[in-house]
């Protein structure tokens, strides 16, 4: 996205701003190839020395979805235990009512 066009949406002059670049690869280009190329481009744009540590991060949406998958897995397990406990308590309640009828 051209910077001049981006400036109409984001105030890039602010030094506290956390600028982000969203990238989508072309068909038949793997995420690893795209990440390697982006890393090289950003390192040269920021004039980092070969052994210098990266001062930027490349995040992928797959990282976020994996984290959410783990959260929902835990919620599913907890919901299963709650459901089993509810059926057990309901069964005891029905059995108790049947004894008094």
C-alpha atoms as a PDB file:
ATOM      1  CA  UNK A   1       0.000   0.000   0.000  1.00  0.00           C
ATOM      2  CA  UNK A   2       1.526   3.358  -0.904  1.00  0.00           C
ATOM      3  CA  UNK A   3       2.533   5.432   2.115  1.00  0.00           C
ATOM      4  CA  UNK A   4       0.789   8.586   0.861  1.00  0.00           C
ATOM      5  CA  UNK A   5      -2.496   6.661   0.589  1.00  0.00           C
ATOM      6  CA  UNK A   6      -1.940   5.087   4.011  1.00  0.00           C
ATOM      7  CA  UNK A   7      -1.455   8.521   5.600  1.00  0.00           C
ATOM      8  CA  UNK A   8      -5.101   9.334   4.846  1.00  0.00           C
ATOM      9  CA  UNK A   9      -6.086   6.584   7.312  1.00  0.00           C
ATOM     10  CA  UNK A  10      -3.222   6.443   9.834  1.00  0.00           C
ATOM     11  CA  UNK A  11      -1.216   9.203  11.473  1.00  0.00           C
ATOM     12  CA  UNK A  12       2.301   7.928  10.740  1.00  0.00           C
ATOM     13  CA  UNK A  13       3.984  11.063  12.113  1.00  0.00           C
ATOM     14  CA  UNK A  14       3.244   9.964  15.673  1.00  0.00           C
ATOM     15  CA  UNK A  15       6.378   8.291  17.055  1.00  0.00           C
ATOM     16  CA  UNK A  16       4.325   6.215  19.525  1.00  0.00           C
ATOM     17  CA  UNK A  17       2.303   4.717  16.704  1.00  0.00           C
ATOM     18  CA  UNK A  18       2.718   1.020  16.051  1.00  0.00           C
ATOM     19  CA  UNK A  19       2.656   0.796  12.257  1.00  0.00           C
ATOM     20  CA  UNK A  20       1.549  -2.487  10.789  1.00  0.00           C
ATOM     21  CA  UNK A  21       1.786  -3.799   7.271  1.00  0.00           C
ATOM     22  CA  UNK A  22      -0.712  -6.402   6.113  1.00  0.00           C
ATOM     23  CA  UNK A  23       0.615  -8.683   3.394  1.00  0.00           C
ATOM     24  CA  UNK A  24      -1.042 -11.387   1.338  1.00  0.00           C
ATOM     25  CA  UNK A  25       1.103 -13.644  -0.810  1.00  0.00           C
ATOM     26  CA  UNK A  26       0.572 -14.490  -4.427  1.00  0.00           C
ATOM     27  CA  UNK A  27      -0.836 -17.902  -5.334  1.00  0.00           C
ATOM     28  CA  UNK A  28       1.701 -20.764  -5.185  1.00  0.00           C
ATOM     29  CA  UNK A  29       3.968 -18.849  -2.768  1.00  0.00           C
ATOM     30  CA  UNK A  30       4.411 -20.515   0.616  1.00  0.00           C
ATOM     31  CA  UNK A  31       4.200 -18.582   3.864  1.00  0.00           C
ATOM     32  CA  UNK A  32       7.821 -19.450   4.656  1.00  0.00           C
ATOM     33  CA  UNK A  33       9.073 -18.016   1.352  1.00  0.00           C
ATOM     34  CA  UNK A  34       7.031 -14.875   1.850  1.00  0.00           C
ATOM     35  CA  UNK A  35       8.264 -14.466   5.444  1.00  0.00           C
ATOM     36  CA  UNK A  36      11.887 -14.892   4.339  1.00  0.00           C
ATOM     37  CA  UNK A  37      11.515 -12.296   1.608  1.00  0.00           C
ATOM     38  CA  UNK A  38       9.737  -9.845   3.922  1.00  0.00           C
ATOM     39  CA  UNK A  39      12.473 -10.302   6.516  1.00  0.00           C
ATOM     40  CA  UNK A  40      15.160  -9.493   3.952  1.00  0.00           C
ATOM     41  CA  UNK A  41      13.259  -6.442   2.700  1.00  0.00           C
ATOM     42  CA  UNK A  42      12.619  -5.077   6.205  1.00  0.00           C
ATOM     43  CA  UNK A  43      16.223  -5.697   7.318  1.00  0.00           C
ATOM     44  CA  UNK A  44      17.563  -3.786   4.326  1.00  0.00           C
ATOM     45  CA  UNK A  45      15.007  -0.987   4.733  1.00  0.00           C
ATOM     46  CA  UNK A  46      15.981  -0.591   8.391  1.00  0.00           C
ATOM     47  CA  UNK A  47      19.695  -0.884   7.498  1.00  0.00           C
ATOM     48  CA  UNK A  48      20.356  -3.687   9.982  1.00  0.00           C
ATOM     49  CA  UNK A  49      23.794  -5.283  10.014  1.00  0.00           C
ATOM     50  CA  UNK A  50      23.964  -9.004   9.091  1.00  0.00           C
ATOM     51  CA  UNK A  51      24.422 -10.202  12.684  1.00  0.00           C
ATOM     52  CA  UNK A  52      22.095  -7.621  14.237  1.00  0.00           C
ATOM     53  CA  UNK A  53      18.886  -8.786  15.830  1.00  0.00           C
ATOM     54  CA  UNK A  54      15.602  -8.007  14.030  1.00  0.00           C
ATOM     55  CA  UNK A  55      13.871  -4.913  15.415  1.00  0.00           C
ATOM     56  CA  UNK A  56      10.525  -5.904  13.898  1.00  0.00           C
ATOM     57  CA  UNK A  57       8.146  -8.853  14.123  1.00  0.00           C
ATOM     58  CA  UNK A  58       6.362 -10.887  11.488  1.00  0.00           C
ATOM     59  CA  UNK A  59       3.086 -12.290  12.779  1.00  0.00           C
ATOM     60  CA  UNK A  60       0.890 -14.739  10.921  1.00  0.00           C
ATOM     61  CA  UNK A  61      -2.840 -15.230  11.358  1.00  0.00           C
ATOM     62  CA  UNK A  62      -2.198 -18.948  11.786  1.00  0.00           C
ATOM     63  CA  UNK A  63      -0.442 -18.134  15.077  1.00  0.00           C
ATOM     64  CA  UNK A  64      -3.576 -16.432  16.369  1.00  0.00           C
ATOM     65  CA  UNK A  65      -5.883 -19.210  15.197  1.00  0.00           C
ATOM     66  CA  UNK A  66      -3.686 -21.869  16.886  1.00  0.00           C
ATOM     67  CA  UNK A  67      -3.943 -19.940  20.169  1.00  0.00           C
ATOM     68  CA  UNK A  68      -7.703 -19.676  19.842  1.00  0.00           C
ATOM     69  CA  UNK A  69      -7.944 -23.388  19.012  1.00  0.00           C
ATOM     70  CA  UNK A  70      -6.251 -24.204  22.321  1.00  0.00           C
ATOM     71  CA  UNK A  71      -8.610 -21.924  24.239  1.00  0.00           C
ATOM     72  CA  UNK A  72     -11.690 -23.485  22.634  1.00  0.00           C
ATOM     73  CA  UNK A  73     -10.327 -26.987  23.267  1.00  0.00           C
ATOM     74  CA  UNK A  74     -10.153 -26.192  27.007  1.00  0.00           C
ATOM     75  CA  UNK A  75     -13.654 -24.671  26.912  1.00  0.00           C
ATOM     76  CA  UNK A  76     -14.977 -27.834  25.196  1.00  0.00           C
ATOM     77  CA  UNK A  77     -13.439 -30.091  27.829  1.00  0.00           C
ATOM     78  CA  UNK A  78     -14.789 -27.934  30.678  1.00  0.00           C
ATOM     79  CA  UNK A  79     -18.237 -27.882  29.035  1.00  0.00           C
ATOM     80  CA  UNK A  80     -18.164 -31.670  28.730  1.00  0.00           C
ATOM     81  CA  UNK A  81     -17.401 -32.087  32.424  1.00  0.00           C
ATOM     82  CA  UNK A  82     -20.147 -29.642  33.371  1.00  0.00           C
ATOM     83  CA  UNK A  83     -22.600 -31.495  31.116  1.00  0.00           C
ATOM     84  CA  UNK A  84     -21.725 -34.902  32.610  1.00  0.00           C
ATOM     85  CA  UNK A  85     -22.025 -33.493  36.138  1.00  0.00           C
ATOM     86  CA  UNK A  86     -25.421 -31.946  35.287  1.00  0.00           C
ATOM     87  CA  UNK A  87     -26.751 -35.258  33.937  1.00  0.00           C
ATOM     88  CA  UNK A  88     -25.499 -37.050  37.056  1.00  0.00           C
ATOM     89  CA  UNK A  89     -27.169 -34.544  39.400  1.00  0.00           C
ATOM     90  CA  UNK A  90     -30.391 -34.655  37.370  1.00  0.00           C
ATOM     91  CA  UNK A  91     -30.383 -38.454  37.496  1.00  0.00           C
ATOM     92  CA  UNK A  92     -30.084 -38.412  41.286  1.00  0.00           C
ATOM     93  CA  UNK A  93     -32.899 -35.861  41.476  1.00  0.00           C
ATOM     94  CA  UNK A  94     -35.225 -37.995  39.333  1.00  0.00           C
ATOM     95  CA  UNK A  95     -34.306 -41.137  41.299  1.00  0.00           C
ATOM     96  CA  UNK A  96     -35.084 -39.367  44.570  1.00  0.00           C
ATOM     97  CA  UNK A  97     -38.481 -38.210  43.260  1.00  0.00           C
ATOM     98  CA  UNK A  98     -39.324 -41.736  42.145  1.00  0.00           C
ATOM     99  CA  UNK A  99     -38.648 -43.068  45.663  1.00  0.00           C
ATOM    100  CA  UNK A 100     -41.202 -40.700  47.201  1.00  0.00           C
ATOM    101  CA  UNK A 101     -43.993 -41.310  44.687  1.00  0.00           C
END
